Amino acid sequence: MTFDSTALQSWAARLLVSWGYSDDDAAYIADTLVDANLRGVDSHGVIRLPAYHARIDAGLVVPTARPVVTREGGVIRVDAAGAPGQLAARAAVAALVEASGELGVASAVIHGSTHFGTAGYYARALAAQGKIGIVVSNSEPAVVPFGGRDAFLGTNPFAFAAPTGGDPISLDMATSTSAMGRVMVAQAAGKPIPADWGVDAEGRPTTDPQAVKALLPAGGPKGYGLAYLTEVLGGVLSGAAIASGIGNMYSDFSRPQDVGHWMLALDVERFLPFGQFTQRMDGLAADAHAIAPAPGNSQVLVPGEPEERTKAARLSAGIDLPAATIEELTLLGVASEVPFPEGDIR
């Protein structure tokens, strides 16, 4: 079934308010989730709401909690202090915009956090303020190290964004071949997955999403190395939990997750006049577009363009959700007395 994005976001916000979030906080969290759906990253969209609710019920996330921000020059530390990852990341972005505007460069670490949606959401928020933004996060073990068979590091996303004369150039990637959320989407849809996404309990590649016990690093040792760097920045440097010390979002309700994030903001104006920078960025994109496409491809795109095109299409045609996700969200709405919206069958 297909759902209008505005209706889906409005419902998610009302649902979050019923859980104890303020109107503003609920709207922000809902936006992070539906934005992921709009951009085709359904693994980080409204499918996450049941897990968010379960952690509130367990007392591990407090809707009324406020992140604690401390700053020394261009160094920012954020303690999520029981708040969800989205609100901790929002506080970090606001502090980074101010600090980088004053100093040219600023960096933030966040500890005590949870799943915060897509890393790219915050990198693009920095780009919208005239910054080059880099955002990384660690997460619970889900990926085998290169040469290993048991999960060691998380999918550990890496994102960056930079302003242009139009939509920002942006990259948001897991350092694994796939995000675990995409496996969850395949599970919900009852569809097979590519053989290079994950391994079963014996460490063998599998196309059965139900059999996946761990994911594979993207590009073998290269993805493993990037994931390790992300763990150093997001986990070790921030003071958050590391690797197996991170609580599992879906199965461990005995402790907070204590996820860590790291962000960097570069104020473009401190390095180059903003108009000159965006002109050069637009020229770089034009050069990429001018390259003849390889067989089977219609055009060379730049990072972020596929997601922007998906967003435009889904804003017009709606967001498709699998039946299993609709059923789960419908039950969640009934339990919270916030009925799930009706969709169109297409």
C-alpha atoms as a PDB file:
ATOM      1  CA  MET A   1       0.000   0.000   0.000  1.00  0.00           C
ATOM      2  CA  THR A   2       1.051   3.582  -0.661  1.00  0.00           C
ATOM      3  CA  PHE A   3       0.864   6.403   1.872  1.00  0.00           C
ATOM      4  CA  ASP A   4       0.983  10.154   1.460  1.00  0.00           C
ATOM      5  CA  SER A   5       4.168  11.393   3.121  1.00  0.00           C
ATOM      6  CA  THR A   6       2.442  14.318   4.849  1.00  0.00           C
ATOM      7  CA  ALA A   7      -0.203  12.036   6.340  1.00  0.00           C
ATOM      8  CA  LEU A   8       2.437   9.527   7.420  1.00  0.00           C
ATOM      9  CA  GLN A   9       4.554  12.220   9.069  1.00  0.00           C
ATOM     10  CA  SER A  10       1.532  13.753  10.812  1.00  0.00           C
ATOM     11  CA  TRP A  11       0.542  10.348  12.176  1.00  0.00           C
ATOM     12  CA  ALA A  12       4.063   9.574  13.379  1.00  0.00           C
ATOM     13  CA  ALA A  13       4.247  12.943  15.148  1.00  0.00           C
ATOM     14  CA  ARG A  14       0.892  12.410  16.879  1.00  0.00           C
ATOM     15  CA  LEU A  15       1.985   8.922  17.890  1.00  0.00           C
ATOM     16  CA  LEU A  16       5.188  10.281  19.423  1.00  0.00           C
ATOM     17  CA  VAL A  17       3.225  12.957  21.300  1.00  0.00           C
ATOM     18  CA  SER A  18       1.055  10.200  22.775  1.00  0.00           C
ATOM     19  CA  TRP A  19       4.268   8.626  24.110  1.00  0.00           C
ATOM     20  CA  GLY A  20       5.174  11.804  25.982  1.00  0.00           C
ATOM     21  CA  TYR A  21       7.210  13.866  23.490  1.00  0.00           C
ATOM     22  CA  SER A  22       6.552  17.580  23.090  1.00  0.00           C
ATOM     23  CA  ASP A  23       4.961  18.714  19.834  1.00  0.00           C
ATOM     24  CA  ASP A  24       8.258  20.138  18.545  1.00  0.00           C
ATOM     25  CA  ASP A  25      10.328  17.088  19.481  1.00  0.00           C
ATOM     26  CA  ALA A  26       7.749  14.713  18.028  1.00  0.00           C
ATOM     27  CA  ALA A  27       7.617  16.644  14.759  1.00  0.00           C
ATOM     28  CA  TYR A  28      11.420  16.574  14.512  1.00  0.00           C
ATOM     29  CA  ILE A  29      11.731  12.834  15.134  1.00  0.00           C
ATOM     30  CA  ALA A  30       8.874  12.121  12.722  1.00  0.00           C
ATOM     31  CA  ASP A  31      10.611  14.232  10.075  1.00  0.00           C
ATOM     32  CA  THR A  32      13.859  12.274  10.439  1.00  0.00           C
ATOM     33  CA  LEU A  33      11.989   9.010   9.901  1.00  0.00           C
ATOM     34  CA  VAL A  34       9.716  10.008   7.018  1.00  0.00           C
ATOM     35  CA  ASP A  35      12.607  11.803   5.329  1.00  0.00           C
ATOM     36  CA  ALA A  36      14.395   8.436   5.274  1.00  0.00           C
ATOM     37  CA  ASN A  37      11.342   6.818   3.671  1.00  0.00           C
ATOM     38  CA  LEU A  38      11.106   9.612   1.115  1.00  0.00           C
ATOM     39  CA  ARG A  39      14.753   9.179   0.146  1.00  0.00           C
ATOM     40  CA  GLY A  40      14.324   5.416  -0.293  1.00  0.00           C
ATOM     41  CA  VAL A  41      16.111   4.492   2.946  1.00  0.00           C
ATOM     42  CA  ASP A  42      13.111   2.581   4.285  1.00  0.00           C
ATOM     43  CA  SER A  43      15.340   0.682   6.704  1.00  0.00           C
ATOM     44  CA  HIS A  44      15.635   3.870   8.789  1.00  0.00           C
ATOM     45  CA  GLY A  45      12.080   5.107   8.377  1.00  0.00           C
ATOM     46  CA  VAL A  46       8.824   4.485  10.228  1.00  0.00           C
ATOM     47  CA  ILE A  47       9.686   0.788  10.437  1.00  0.00           C
ATOM     48  CA  ARG A  48      11.773   1.784  13.497  1.00  0.00           C
ATOM     49  CA  LEU A  49       8.838   3.129  15.531  1.00  0.00           C
ATOM     50  CA  PRO A  50       7.933  -0.155  17.285  1.00  0.00           C
ATOM     51  CA  ALA A  51      11.514  -0.519  18.552  1.00  0.00           C
ATOM     52  CA  TYR A  52      11.511   3.095  19.739  1.00  0.00           C
ATOM     53  CA  HIS A  53       8.308   2.459  21.685  1.00  0.00           C
ATOM     54  CA  ALA A  54       9.655  -0.724  23.252  1.00  0.00           C
ATOM     55  CA  ARG A  55      12.676   1.115  24.623  1.00  0.00           C
ATOM     56  CA  ILE A  56      10.468   3.833  26.102  1.00  0.00           C
ATOM     57  CA  ASP A  57       8.310   1.159  27.742  1.00  0.00           C
ATOM     58  CA  ALA A  58      11.463  -0.368  29.202  1.00  0.00           C
ATOM     59  CA  GLY A  59      12.453   2.990  30.701  1.00  0.00           C
ATOM     60  CA  LEU A  60      15.595   3.179  28.573  1.00  0.00           C
ATOM     61  CA  VAL A  61      14.541   6.287  26.624  1.00  0.00           C
ATOM     62  CA  VAL A  62      12.738   9.181  28.314  1.00  0.00           C
ATOM     63  CA  PRO A  63      10.635  11.411  26.014  1.00  0.00           C
ATOM     64  CA  THR A  64      10.960  14.406  28.343  1.00  0.00           C
ATOM     65  CA  ALA A  65      14.751  14.088  28.802  1.00  0.00           C
ATOM     66  CA  ARG A  66      16.954  16.902  27.511  1.00  0.00           C
ATOM     67  CA  PRO A  67      20.477  16.415  26.107  1.00  0.00           C
ATOM     68  CA  VAL A  68      23.257  18.179  28.016  1.00  0.00           C
ATOM     69  CA  VAL A  69      25.638  20.219  25.819  1.00  0.00           C
ATOM     70  CA  THR A  70      29.040  21.510  26.928  1.00  0.00           C
ATOM     71  CA  ARG A  71      31.418  23.485  24.721  1.00  0.00           C
ATOM     72  CA  GLU A  72      35.054  24.542  24.939  1.00  0.00           C
ATOM     73  CA  GLY A  73      35.942  26.554  21.852  1.00  0.00           C
ATOM     74  CA  GLY A  74      35.357  24.367  18.841  1.00  0.00           C
ATOM     75  CA  VAL A  75      34.995  21.164  20.886  1.00  0.00           C
ATOM     76  CA  ILE A  76      31.445  20.140  21.774  1.00  0.00           C
ATOM     77  CA  ARG A  77      30.343  17.272  23.988  1.00  0.00           C
ATOM     78  CA  VAL A  78      26.751  16.111  24.173  1.00  0.00           C
ATOM     79  CA  ASP A  79      25.363  13.726  26.766  1.00  0.00           C
ATOM     80  CA  ALA A  80      22.063  12.379  25.442  1.00  0.00           C
ATOM     81  CA  ALA A  81      21.023  11.969  29.112  1.00  0.00           C
ATOM     82  CA  GLY A  82      18.156   9.607  28.327  1.00  0.00           C
ATOM     83  CA  ALA A  83      16.879  11.474  25.275  1.00  0.00           C
ATOM     84  CA  PRO A  84      16.623   9.683  21.914  1.00  0.00           C
ATOM     85  CA  GLY A  85      19.415   9.938  19.373  1.00  0.00           C
ATOM     86  CA  GLN A  86      17.553  12.368  17.131  1.00  0.00           C
ATOM     87  CA  LEU A  87      17.256  14.991  19.861  1.00  0.00           C
ATOM     88  CA  ALA A  88      20.876  14.569  20.948  1.00  0.00           C
ATOM     89  CA  ALA A  89      21.986  14.967  17.319  1.00  0.00           C
ATOM     90  CA  ARG A  90      19.771  18.037  16.860  1.00  0.00           C
ATOM     91  CA  ALA A  91      21.470  19.657  19.867  1.00  0.00           C
ATOM     92  CA  ALA A  92      24.899  18.837  18.437  1.00  0.00           C
ATOM     93  CA  VAL A  93      24.037  20.314  15.034  1.00  0.00           C
ATOM     94  CA  ALA A  94      22.848  23.568  16.630  1.00  0.00           C
ATOM     95  CA  ALA A  95      26.032  23.845  18.675  1.00  0.00           C
ATOM     96  CA  LEU A  96      28.186  23.052  15.627  1.00  0.00           C
ATOM     97  CA  VAL A  97      26.529  25.737  13.519  1.00  0.00           C
ATOM     98  CA  GLU A  98      27.262  28.341  16.190  1.00  0.00           C
ATOM     99  CA  ALA A  99      30.817  27.203  16.959  1.00  0.00           C
ATOM    100  CA  SER A 100      31.918  26.742  13.345  1.00  0.00           C
ATOM    101  CA  GLY A 101      30.466  30.136  12.481  1.00  0.00           C
ATOM    102  CA  GLU A 102      32.717  31.668  15.122  1.00  0.00           C
ATOM    103  CA  LEU A 103      35.850  29.587  14.584  1.00  0.00           C
ATOM    104  CA  GLY A 104      35.606  28.124  11.082  1.00  0.00           C
ATOM    105  CA  VAL A 105      35.866  24.517  12.300  1.00  0.00           C
ATOM    106  CA  ALA A 106      34.051  22.685  15.098  1.00  0.00           C
ATOM    107  CA  SER A 107      33.626  19.068  16.131  1.00  0.00           C
ATOM    108  CA  ALA A 108      31.107  17.349  18.381  1.00  0.00           C
ATOM    109  CA  VAL A 109      30.917  13.984  20.119  1.00  0.00           C
ATOM    110  CA  ILE A 110      27.746  12.459  21.553  1.00  0.00           C
ATOM    111  CA  HIS A 111      27.543   9.670  24.104  1.00  0.00           C
ATOM    112  CA  GLY A 112      24.697   7.899  25.867  1.00  0.00           C
ATOM    113  CA  SER A 113      22.692   8.011  22.652  1.00  0.00           C
ATOM    114  CA  THR A 114      20.422   5.639  20.725  1.00  0.00           C
ATOM    115  CA  HIS A 115      19.582   5.029  17.078  1.00  0.00           C
ATOM    116  CA  PHE A 116      19.331   8.509  15.533  1.00  0.00           C
ATOM    117  CA  GLY A 117      17.880   7.770  12.120  1.00  0.00           C
ATOM    118  CA  THR A 118      20.098   8.427   9.117  1.00  0.00           C
ATOM    119  CA  ALA A 119      23.481  10.082   9.581  1.00  0.00           C
ATOM    120  CA  GLY A 120      22.925  11.986   6.347  1.00  0.00           C
ATOM    121  CA  TYR A 121      19.966  13.882   7.834  1.00  0.00           C
ATOM    122  CA  TYR A 122      22.320  15.812  10.112  1.00  0.00           C
ATOM    123  CA  ALA A 123      25.060  16.230   7.498  1.00  0.00           C
ATOM    124  CA  ARG A 124      22.487  17.823   5.177  1.00  0.00           C
ATOM    125  CA  ALA A 125      21.252  20.022   8.033  1.00  0.00           C
ATOM    126  CA  LEU A 126      24.804  21.352   8.385  1.00  0.00           C
ATOM    127  CA  ALA A 127      25.083  21.872   4.619  1.00  0.00           C
ATOM    128  CA  ALA A 128      21.862  23.888   4.699  1.00  0.00           C
ATOM    129  CA  GLN A 129      23.674  26.266   7.079  1.00  0.00           C
ATOM    130  CA  GLY A 130      26.645  26.749   4.757  1.00  0.00           C
ATOM    131  CA  LYS A 131      28.834  24.053   6.274  1.00  0.00           C
ATOM    132  CA  ILE A 132      30.571  20.958   5.002  1.00  0.00           C
ATOM    133  CA  GLY A 133      29.328  18.346   7.422  1.00  0.00           C
ATOM    134  CA  ILE A 134      30.661  14.906   8.300  1.00  0.00           C
ATOM    135  CA  VAL A 135      28.672  12.606  10.589  1.00  0.00           C
ATOM    136  CA  VAL A 136      29.467   9.092  11.800  1.00  0.00           C
ATOM    137  CA  SER A 137      27.926   6.751  14.357  1.00  0.00           C
ATOM    138  CA  ASN A 138      28.754   3.423  15.879  1.00  0.00           C
ATOM    139  CA  SER A 139      26.065   0.814  16.528  1.00  0.00           C
ATOM    140  CA  GLU A 140      25.561  -2.595  18.073  1.00  0.00           C
ATOM    141  CA  PRO A 141      27.657  -5.435  16.570  1.00  0.00           C
ATOM    142  CA  ALA A 142      26.105  -6.667  13.354  1.00  0.00           C
ATOM    143  CA  VAL A 143      29.024  -6.961  10.909  1.00  0.00           C
ATOM    144  CA  VAL A 144      31.748  -9.581  10.745  1.00  0.00           C
ATOM    145  CA  PRO A 145      35.306  -8.249  10.617  1.00  0.00           C
ATOM    146  CA  PHE A 146      37.197  -9.029   7.423  1.00  0.00           C
ATOM    147  CA  GLY A 147      38.321 -12.627   7.762  1.00  0.00           C
ATOM    148  CA  GLY A 148      35.952 -13.370  10.677  1.00  0.00           C
ATOM    149  CA  ARG A 149      32.629 -15.162  11.091  1.00  0.00           C
ATOM    150  CA  ASP A 150      31.110 -13.491  14.177  1.00  0.00           C
ATOM    151  CA  ALA A 151      29.692  -9.956  14.412  1.00  0.00           C
ATOM    152  CA  PHE A 152      32.199  -7.469  15.826  1.00  0.00           C
ATOM    153  CA  LEU A 153      31.369  -3.879  14.761  1.00  0.00           C
ATOM    154  CA  GLY A 154      28.112  -2.215  13.794  1.00  0.00           C
ATOM    155  CA  THR A 155      27.032  -1.071  10.362  1.00  0.00           C
ATOM    156  CA  ASN A 156      28.765   2.150  11.483  1.00  0.00           C
ATOM    157  CA  PRO A 157      27.420   4.704   8.981  1.00  0.00           C
ATOM    158  CA  PHE A 158      29.496   7.486   7.442  1.00  0.00           C
ATOM    159  CA  ALA A 159      27.858  10.566   5.919  1.00  0.00           C
ATOM    160  CA  PHE A 160      28.950  13.878   4.480  1.00  0.00           C
ATOM    161  CA  ALA A 161      27.187  16.778   2.803  1.00  0.00           C
ATOM    162  CA  ALA A 162      28.294  20.013   1.149  1.00  0.00           C
ATOM    163  CA  PRO A 163      26.258  22.954  -0.165  1.00  0.00           C
ATOM    164  CA  THR A 164      25.799  23.652  -3.880  1.00  0.00           C
ATOM    165  CA  GLY A 165      23.644  26.032  -5.906  1.00  0.00           C
ATOM    166  CA  GLY A 166      20.789  23.514  -5.470  1.00  0.00           C
ATOM    167  CA  ASP A 167      20.407  20.328  -3.470  1.00  0.00           C
ATOM    168  CA  PRO A 168      23.486  19.502  -1.402  1.00  0.00           C
ATOM    169  CA  ILE A 169      25.965  16.913  -2.518  1.00  0.00           C
ATOM    170  CA  SER A 170      25.559  14.176   0.073  1.00  0.00           C
ATOM    171  CA  LEU A 171      26.695  10.669   0.821  1.00  0.00           C
ATOM    172  CA  ASP A 172      25.149   8.447   3.486  1.00  0.00           C
ATOM    173  CA  MET A 173      26.522   4.928   3.553  1.00  0.00           C
ATOM    174  CA  ALA A 174      26.844   1.999   5.881  1.00  0.00           C
ATOM    175  CA  THR A 175      30.354   0.595   6.094  1.00  0.00           C
ATOM    176  CA  SER A 176      28.743  -2.806   5.650  1.00  0.00           C
ATOM    177  CA  THR A 177      27.505  -4.014   2.287  1.00  0.00           C
ATOM    178  CA  SER A 178      23.978  -3.350   3.544  1.00  0.00           C
ATOM    179  CA  ALA A 179      22.364  -1.840   6.616  1.00  0.00           C
ATOM    180  CA  MET A 180      20.666  -4.358   8.915  1.00  0.00           C
ATOM    181  CA  GLY A 181      17.499  -2.307   8.498  1.00  0.00           C
ATOM    182  CA  ARG A 182      17.447  -3.268   4.802  1.00  0.00           C
ATOM    183  CA  VAL A 183      17.521  -6.905   5.857  1.00  0.00           C
ATOM    184  CA  MET A 184      14.568  -6.121   8.136  1.00  0.00           C
ATOM    185  CA  VAL A 185      12.714  -4.551   5.204  1.00  0.00           C
ATOM    186  CA  ALA A 186      13.334  -7.728   3.169  1.00  0.00           C
ATOM    187  CA  GLN A 187      12.109  -9.829   6.096  1.00  0.00           C
ATOM    188  CA  ALA A 188       8.935  -7.753   6.311  1.00  0.00           C
ATOM    189  CA  ALA A 189       8.401  -7.982   2.543  1.00  0.00           C
ATOM    190  CA  GLY A 190       9.216 -11.708   2.375  1.00  0.00           C
ATOM    191  CA  LYS A 191      11.818 -11.121  -0.320  1.00  0.00           C
ATOM    192  CA  PRO A 192      15.319 -12.610  -0.770  1.00  0.00           C
ATOM    193  CA  ILE A 193      18.442 -10.486  -0.382  1.00  0.00           C
ATOM    194  CA  PRO A 194      21.656 -10.354  -2.448  1.00  0.00           C
ATOM    195  CA  ALA A 195      24.195 -12.989  -1.468  1.00  0.00           C
ATOM    196  CA  ASP A 196      26.813 -10.390  -0.487  1.00  0.00           C
ATOM    197  CA  TRP A 197      24.684  -8.745   2.222  1.00  0.00           C
ATOM    198  CA  GLY A 198      24.986 -11.171   5.094  1.00  0.00           C
ATOM    199  CA  VAL A 199      26.036 -14.539   6.471  1.00  0.00           C
ATOM    200  CA  ASP A 200      24.215 -17.265   8.384  1.00  0.00           C
ATOM    201  CA  ALA A 201      25.158 -18.786  11.731  1.00  0.00           C
ATOM    202  CA  GLU A 202      27.966 -20.746  10.051  1.00  0.00           C
ATOM    203  CA  GLY A 203      29.455 -17.662   8.423  1.00  0.00           C
ATOM    204  CA  ARG A 204      28.227 -18.608   4.946  1.00  0.00           C
ATOM    205  CA  PRO A 205      26.656 -16.044   2.584  1.00  0.00           C
ATOM    206  CA  THR A 206      22.871 -16.364   2.408  1.00  0.00           C
ATOM    207  CA  THR A 207      20.021 -14.921   0.356  1.00  0.00           C
ATOM    208  CA  ASP A 208      17.458 -15.730   3.075  1.00  0.00           C
ATOM    209  CA  PRO A 209      16.906 -12.581   5.193  1.00  0.00           C
ATOM    210  CA  GLN A 210      15.515 -14.711   8.020  1.00  0.00           C
ATOM    211  CA  ALA A 211      18.801 -16.636   8.213  1.00  0.00           C
ATOM    212  CA  VAL A 212      21.084 -13.606   8.444  1.00  0.00           C
ATOM    213  CA  LYS A 213      23.118 -13.571  11.673  1.00  0.00           C
ATOM    214  CA  ALA A 214      25.650 -10.911  10.651  1.00  0.00           C
ATOM    215  CA  LEU A 215      26.437  -8.598   7.753  1.00  0.00           C
ATOM    216  CA  LEU A 216      29.518  -8.352   5.550  1.00  0.00           C
ATOM    217  CA  PRO A 217      31.802  -5.276   5.413  1.00  0.00           C
ATOM    218  CA  ALA A 218      31.559  -3.245   2.203  1.00  0.00           C
ATOM    219  CA  GLY A 219      34.578  -3.820  -0.006  1.00  0.00           C
ATOM    220  CA  GLY A 220      36.064  -6.413   2.331  1.00  0.00           C
ATOM    221  CA  PRO A 221      39.042  -4.958   4.248  1.00  0.00           C
ATOM    222  CA  LYS A 222      38.285  -1.407   3.053  1.00  0.00           C
ATOM    223  CA  GLY A 223      34.817  -1.320   4.590  1.00  0.00           C
ATOM    224  CA  TYR A 224      36.166  -2.997   7.718  1.00  0.00           C
ATOM    225  CA  GLY A 225      38.840  -0.307   8.014  1.00  0.00           C
ATOM    226  CA  LEU A 226      36.296   2.504   7.622  1.00  0.00           C
ATOM    227  CA  ALA A 227      34.033   0.855  10.198  1.00  0.00           C
ATOM    228  CA  TYR A 228      36.980   0.700  12.585  1.00  0.00           C
ATOM    229  CA  LEU A 229      37.656   4.416  12.084  1.00  0.00           C
ATOM    230  CA  THR A 230      33.992   5.140  12.772  1.00  0.00           C
ATOM    231  CA  GLU A 231      34.203   3.101  15.974  1.00  0.00           C
ATOM    232  CA  VAL A 232      37.236   5.129  17.069  1.00  0.00           C
ATOM    233  CA  LEU A 233      35.537   8.480  16.397  1.00  0.00           C
ATOM    234  CA  GLY A 234      31.971   7.654  17.406  1.00  0.00           C
ATOM    235  CA  GLY A 235      32.699   5.222  20.220  1.00  0.00           C
ATOM    236  CA  VAL A 236      36.180   5.499  21.690  1.00  0.00           C
ATOM    237  CA  LEU A 237      36.605   9.287  21.351  1.00  0.00           C
ATOM    238  CA  SER A 238      33.088  10.129  22.549  1.00  0.00           C
ATOM    239  CA  GLY A 239      33.259   7.990  25.682  1.00  0.00           C
ATOM    240  CA  ALA A 240      30.235   5.981  24.511  1.00  0.00           C
ATOM    241  CA  ALA A 241      30.032   2.203  24.544  1.00  0.00           C
ATOM    242  CA  ILE A 242      32.278   0.302  22.143  1.00  0.00           C
ATOM    243  CA  ALA A 243      31.426  -2.691  19.928  1.00  0.00           C
ATOM    244  CA  SER A 244      29.890  -5.432  22.091  1.00  0.00           C
ATOM    245  CA  GLY A 245      29.400  -2.920  24.902  1.00  0.00           C
ATOM    246  CA  ILE A 246      26.532  -1.304  22.946  1.00  0.00           C
ATOM    247  CA  GLY A 247      23.068  -2.539  23.898  1.00  0.00           C
ATOM    248  CA  ASN A 248      21.099  -4.202  21.110  1.00  0.00           C
ATOM    249  CA  MET A 249      18.216  -2.004  20.031  1.00  0.00           C
ATOM    250  CA  TYR A 250      15.794  -4.883  19.526  1.00  0.00           C
ATOM    251  CA  SER A 251      16.740  -7.556  22.035  1.00  0.00           C
ATOM    252  CA  ASP A 252      18.605  -6.032  24.999  1.00  0.00           C
ATOM    253  CA  PHE A 253      16.318  -4.170  27.378  1.00  0.00           C
ATOM    254  CA  SER A 254      18.553  -4.594  30.408  1.00  0.00           C
ATOM    255  CA  ARG A 255      20.595  -1.443  29.772  1.00  0.00           C
ATOM    256  CA  PRO A 256      20.742   1.741  27.695  1.00  0.00           C
ATOM    257  CA  GLN A 257      22.321   1.358  24.268  1.00  0.00           C
ATOM    258  CA  ASP A 258      24.950   4.098  24.843  1.00  0.00           C
ATOM    259  CA  VAL A 259      25.533   4.680  21.123  1.00  0.00           C
ATOM    260  CA  GLY A 260      28.180   7.250  20.164  1.00  0.00           C
ATOM    261  CA  HIS A 261      28.254   9.784  17.322  1.00  0.00           C
ATOM    262  CA  TRP A 262      30.889  12.168  15.972  1.00  0.00           C
ATOM    263  CA  MET A 263      30.306  15.233  13.802  1.00  0.00           C
ATOM    264  CA  LEU A 264      32.529  17.772  12.073  1.00  0.00           C
ATOM    265  CA  ALA A 265      31.455  21.132  10.630  1.00  0.00           C
ATOM    266  CA  LEU A 266      33.590  23.297   8.332  1.00  0.00           C
ATOM    267  CA  ASP A 267      32.298  26.809   7.688  1.00  0.00           C
ATOM    268  CA  VAL A 268      32.708  27.282   3.938  1.00  0.00           C
ATOM    269  CA  GLU A 269      32.997  31.085   4.138  1.00  0.00           C
ATOM    270  CA  ARG A 270      36.140  30.775   6.262  1.00  0.00           C
ATOM    271  CA  PHE A 271      37.892  28.937   3.441  1.00  0.00           C
ATOM    272  CA  LEU A 272      36.395  30.403   0.268  1.00  0.00           C
ATOM    273  CA  PRO A 273      33.674  32.937  -0.597  1.00  0.00           C
ATOM    274  CA  PHE A 274      30.417  30.984  -0.432  1.00  0.00           C
ATOM    275  CA  GLY A 275      29.261  31.864  -3.940  1.00  0.00           C
ATOM    276  CA  GLN A 276      32.608  30.839  -5.390  1.00  0.00           C
ATOM    277  CA  PHE A 277      32.471  27.554  -3.484  1.00  0.00           C
ATOM    278  CA  THR A 278      28.990  26.636  -4.710  1.00  0.00           C
ATOM    279  CA  GLN A 279      29.931  27.634  -8.265  1.00  0.00           C
ATOM    280  CA  ARG A 280      32.909  25.279  -8.108  1.00  0.00           C
ATOM    281  CA  MET A 281      30.709  22.550  -6.614  1.00  0.00           C
ATOM    282  CA  ASP A 282      28.179  22.977  -9.415  1.00  0.00           C
ATOM    283  CA  GLY A 283      30.997  22.807 -11.967  1.00  0.00           C
ATOM    284  CA  LEU A 284      32.281  19.584 -10.429  1.00  0.00           C
ATOM    285  CA  ALA A 285      28.799  18.061 -10.694  1.00  0.00           C
ATOM    286  CA  ALA A 286      28.479  19.230 -14.294  1.00  0.00           C
ATOM    287  CA  ASP A 287      31.777  17.547 -15.141  1.00  0.00           C
ATOM    288  CA  ALA A 288      30.485  14.302 -13.646  1.00  0.00           C
ATOM    289  CA  HIS A 289      27.217  14.569 -15.575  1.00  0.00           C
ATOM    290  CA  ALA A 290      29.155  15.125 -18.807  1.00  0.00           C
ATOM    291  CA  ILE A 291      30.921  11.777 -18.569  1.00  0.00           C
ATOM    292  CA  ALA A 292      29.505   9.228 -21.002  1.00  0.00           C
ATOM    293  CA  PRO A 293      27.550   6.536 -19.136  1.00  0.00           C
ATOM    294  CA  ALA A 294      28.743   2.946 -19.179  1.00  0.00           C
ATOM    295  CA  PRO A 295      26.561   0.270 -20.831  1.00  0.00           C
ATOM    296  CA  GLY A 296      23.401  -0.290 -18.841  1.00  0.00           C
ATOM    297  CA  ASN A 297      23.443   3.187 -17.299  1.00  0.00           C
ATOM    298  CA  SER A 298      21.562   6.262 -18.505  1.00  0.00           C
ATOM    299  CA  GLN A 299      23.596   8.997 -16.778  1.00  0.00           C
ATOM    300  CA  VAL A 300      26.444   9.561 -14.357  1.00  0.00           C
ATOM    301  CA  LEU A 301      25.062  10.996 -11.119  1.00  0.00           C
ATOM    302  CA  VAL A 302      26.740  12.624  -8.133  1.00  0.00           C
ATOM    303  CA  PRO A 303      26.309  11.544  -4.500  1.00  0.00           C
ATOM    304  CA  GLY A 304      22.842  12.335  -3.191  1.00  0.00           C
ATOM    305  CA  GLU A 305      21.159  12.639  -6.600  1.00  0.00           C
ATOM    306  CA  PRO A 306      19.528   9.178  -6.586  1.00  0.00           C
ATOM    307  CA  GLU A 307      17.996   9.917  -3.175  1.00  0.00           C
ATOM    308  CA  GLU A 308      16.814  13.375  -4.231  1.00  0.00           C
ATOM    309  CA  ARG A 309      15.117  11.846  -7.288  1.00  0.00           C
ATOM    310  CA  THR A 310      13.494   9.174  -5.143  1.00  0.00           C
ATOM    311  CA  LYS A 311      12.278  11.865  -2.754  1.00  0.00           C
ATOM    312  CA  ALA A 312      10.707  13.867  -5.578  1.00  0.00           C
ATOM    313  CA  ALA A 313       8.968  10.750  -6.894  1.00  0.00           C
ATOM    314  CA  ARG A 314       7.674   9.699  -3.482  1.00  0.00           C
ATOM    315  CA  LEU A 315       6.462  13.179  -2.622  1.00  0.00           C
ATOM    316  CA  SER A 316       4.319  12.912  -5.743  1.00  0.00           C
ATOM    317  CA  ALA A 317       3.313   9.249  -5.769  1.00  0.00           C
ATOM    318  CA  GLY A 318       3.495   8.355  -2.078  1.00  0.00           C
ATOM    319  CA  ILE A 319       5.544   5.977   0.064  1.00  0.00           C
ATOM    320  CA  ASP A 320       5.138   2.235  -0.351  1.00  0.00           C
ATOM    321  CA  LEU A 321       5.158   0.171   2.847  1.00  0.00           C
ATOM    322  CA  PRO A 322       5.132  -3.651   3.005  1.00  0.00           C
ATOM    323  CA  ALA A 323       2.139  -5.431   4.535  1.00  0.00           C
ATOM    324  CA  ALA A 324       4.080  -6.645   7.583  1.00  0.00           C
ATOM    325  CA  THR A 325       5.172  -3.087   8.424  1.00  0.00           C
ATOM    326  CA  ILE A 326       1.629  -1.749   7.955  1.00  0.00           C
ATOM    327  CA  GLU A 327       0.288  -4.434  10.281  1.00  0.00           C
ATOM    328  CA  GLU A 328       2.870  -3.633  12.957  1.00  0.00           C
ATOM    329  CA  LEU A 329       2.277   0.115  12.740  1.00  0.00           C
ATOM    330  CA  THR A 330      -1.496  -0.390  12.776  1.00  0.00           C
ATOM    331  CA  LEU A 331      -1.240  -2.364  16.018  1.00  0.00           C
ATOM    332  CA  LEU A 332       1.046   0.300  17.459  1.00  0.00           C
ATOM    333  CA  GLY A 333      -1.506   2.964  16.562  1.00  0.00           C
ATOM    334  CA  VAL A 334      -4.328   0.994  18.181  1.00  0.00           C
ATOM    335  CA  ALA A 335      -2.330   0.542  21.384  1.00  0.00           C
ATOM    336  CA  SER A 336      -1.585   4.292  21.501  1.00  0.00           C
ATOM    337  CA  GLU A 337      -5.086   5.328  20.383  1.00  0.00           C
ATOM    338  CA  VAL A 338      -3.644   7.047  17.315  1.00  0.00           C
ATOM    339  CA  PRO A 339      -5.192   5.193  14.342  1.00  0.00           C
ATOM    340  CA  PHE A 340      -2.818   4.476  11.488  1.00  0.00           C
ATOM    341  CA  PRO A 341      -3.783   6.363   8.300  1.00  0.00           C
ATOM    342  CA  GLU A 342      -5.397   4.629   5.366  1.00  0.00           C
ATOM    343  CA  GLY A 343      -3.310   4.092   2.272  1.00  0.00           C
ATOM    344  CA  ASP A 344      -3.958   3.585  -1.417  1.00  0.00           C
ATOM    345  CA  ILE A 345      -3.555   0.222  -3.109  1.00  0.00           C
ATOM    346  CA  ARG A 346      -1.526   0.739  -6.293  1.00  0.00           C
END
